[in-house]
C-alpha cells in the first residue's frame, strides 16, 4: 500500500551568523554538504587588506590577505594529498601551493574534521622590507584574532591579490578540470578591509554569496554557510521585436520577475548579423520595465541579433536569442562621378589605430621595477580640419565588469586640457602610471622621454590619458571614443586580448567594414606610435569566413556527441577553427581546436563517457587571421532513456513559511516538506539526500 511520509525540516535560529562551527555544526548539515560531493569548500576571501603603514617597511602594501576553506567531512583532511588550489586572473589561471605558514618546505597540510583553515596569501614584493617582510604566523593570527584550534597555512605562488575580478579553484590534485569548489569576487563583493563571505550552493561548484563587504572573520564560519542556498531563478519576459527601419533607433524592452524579490541586474547583448562580437549594454529600469535603446547609427545590415541576461546575485539566466529584420531605407539616386576627398567620404572622422598595453622591461630605469611605463593608445583625426578633441569627444575604458571616463590632457600638465589634433593626423595618448611602487627617475618621466623612447615624429602631438593606472597585458579590455555628452554614442572602439598583443608588441587596427569596433590590421606588431598606414584608414576587402552547421536538438546518454559543420572562406585564407563546449550549463566553456577533414568539413566528438543527462552548450569560432566569426550558442538536450518513467518518490507538498510566530512557539519551526512513495513497495529513505 502506498504511504505518505511527512518530513519535518526544522530550522535553527542563530543570533550571531558567524559561530565556531567546529563545535556547533549539526549532523544534518554535515550529511547535506558531504553527500553533495563537496568535501571542501570556500567560505571567505579577503583580498583587500587595510593600511599597514604603521608597520616598518610595509608602505602601502597589503600584508594580511587570506582565503578561508572548510573541511566538511567527519575526518581530518590531508589537503595536499588530494587537492590543490588554482588562481584565476581572468585571462588565465595557475597552480598555487599550500604549505606551513612559516616553512615553505613543509607541505604537511592537515585540516581537522568539520573545521575551517585559513590560507594566508604570500607577499614577495621587493617593496616590502624591514619588519613587514618578517611577519610570522603568530603576527597573522593576532591580527585577525584567529581561534587557536583553527589551522593557518600559507598560500604561495601569487604575490598578493587583486582587489577585484579574480577567483580561486579547489581542484583534484591530478586534474584541473575536476573542480571541487570555486569562488569569484569583484569590487561589488569586497572593499578595503572587508571580506566576501560565501556559502555552499545547491548545484555547480561556484559557491553562493552569503555576505558581501563584511568584516573579516578568519577561522569563524556560520553554520548557515554550510547549508546550500535555496534560490529561485529570475525570469525574463519579453515580446520579440520583429523588424526595425535601417538607421532608426531600436528600443528593447523586457520585464523581469524574481520570486525571492532579489535586486536584479539585466544586460542586453546585441550585434548585426555579421558582426564579430556581441556588444553589451546595461538595461535601465523605468517603472516595471527594463529597456535599452540601440542607436540608429548601429542599425545596419539585414538583421539585428540580441539576447538578455538577468542575475539576482546568485543565479544567472540567459534568454533565447532573437532576430529583428532590418528594413532597408529607400535609396536616393546619386549622380554618377562625384569625386570627393577621401576624408570627406569616410564615416570615421576619428578612430583608434593602435594600442600598446604591454611595455618591454624597464628595470634599467631607476625606480621602475617590473612596471610598464611607456604604454599608449593611438587615435587618428580623419577629417580635413583641426580637431579640438575635448570639446566634442571623450575616451572611456571598459574592463568588462564596468566602464569609466578617462581624461585627456597635456602630457606634462594634468590641468591643461587643450587637446588639438591636426587635420589628417594621428595623436598618441600616453597611459598614465600612478602606482606607489614607481619611484625615482621612473616617476619623473616627461613627454620628451616618451617621444625619445618611441621615436615619435615631431609633428605628431602627444597627450596623456589619465584615471587608469596602466593597462593589463592580456585581459579582454576596450577603449571607446564617444561623444562628450552621451556615453551610448560610440564613435570608435578598440578591443584587445592576449591574442592581439604581447610583450613589446602592439595591436594595429583599421576602419571596420561595419559597426564601430576597429578591425584588426596587424596583431602583435612592432609599435609605431605617430605612424599610420594609408590602408588603416579604409575598410578591408576581406571576405569573412562562413560557418554552416545544423544542430541536433537532442541525444541520448551512452552515445558520443559529434558536431559536424563546414567553414568556407571565399578568399581562400587559411583558417583557425575552434569549438567551445560545456557539459554543465553553469560551467566554463572548454576550448578545442578542430582541423578540417576534407572539402572544408570539420568534425569534433565529445565521448559518451563524458556526457550525462542534462544539456550540452556549444558554439563554433573561425578566424582567417583578420576576421573572427562566432556562431550563436547551441543547446542539445541529453535524454536518459532509463529515466523516462515516473520517479519512485515525489515531493508533493512544501510549506516554507507557515503562519504563526516562532517566538511564541508556533510558525517557522513547523516548516515541512511532504514526500510520496510512488512505488508498490516499502521504500527505505536511507541514502537519499535533500538539498
Foldseek 3Di string as FASTA:
>chain_A
DWDWDWDFDFDDDDPDQWALQVPVADPQLLCFLVLQLQQKEWFKWAQAEAAPVVFPLCPRHDQFTKTKMWGSHQAKDQQLVWKFKWKFPFQDIGTKAKAAFVDPVHRRDIFGHGFMAIETEDADDPSRDDPSNVDGPVNNCVVQVADPVHHYIYIDDDHGDDQAFMKMFIATNVDPVRTSAMETGGNQAEDNQFMFGFAPAPDDRYTAGDHGRHHDNPGIHGSRRSRHDDADDKDKAFDDAAADEQLAKDKGKIAIDGPVPFDKWKKKWKAAPFDAGTDIDTFDDDPRMTMDIQGSQARDDFKMKMWMWMDRRGDIDIDDIDIYTYDYDDDDDDDPDDDDDPLVPDPAQKEWFKWAQAEAAPPVFPLCPRHDQQTKTKMWRSHQAKDQDLVWKFKKKPQPVDIDTKAKAAFVDPVHRRDIFGHGWMAIATEDADDPSRDDPSNVDGPVNNCVVQVADPNHHYIYIDDDHGDDFFHWMKMFIATNPDPSRTSAMEIGGNQAEHHQFMFGFACEPHDHYTWGDHGRHHDRHGDGDPRRDDYDPFDWKDKAFDDAQEDEQPAKDKGKIFIDGPVPFDKWKWKWKDQDPPDGTDIDTWDADPPRMTMDIDGRVVHDFAKMWMKMWMDRPTGIHIDDIDIHGYHYVVPPDDDQKAWDDWFQWDDDDVVVPDTRSRTITMMIGNDPDDDDCPPPHDD
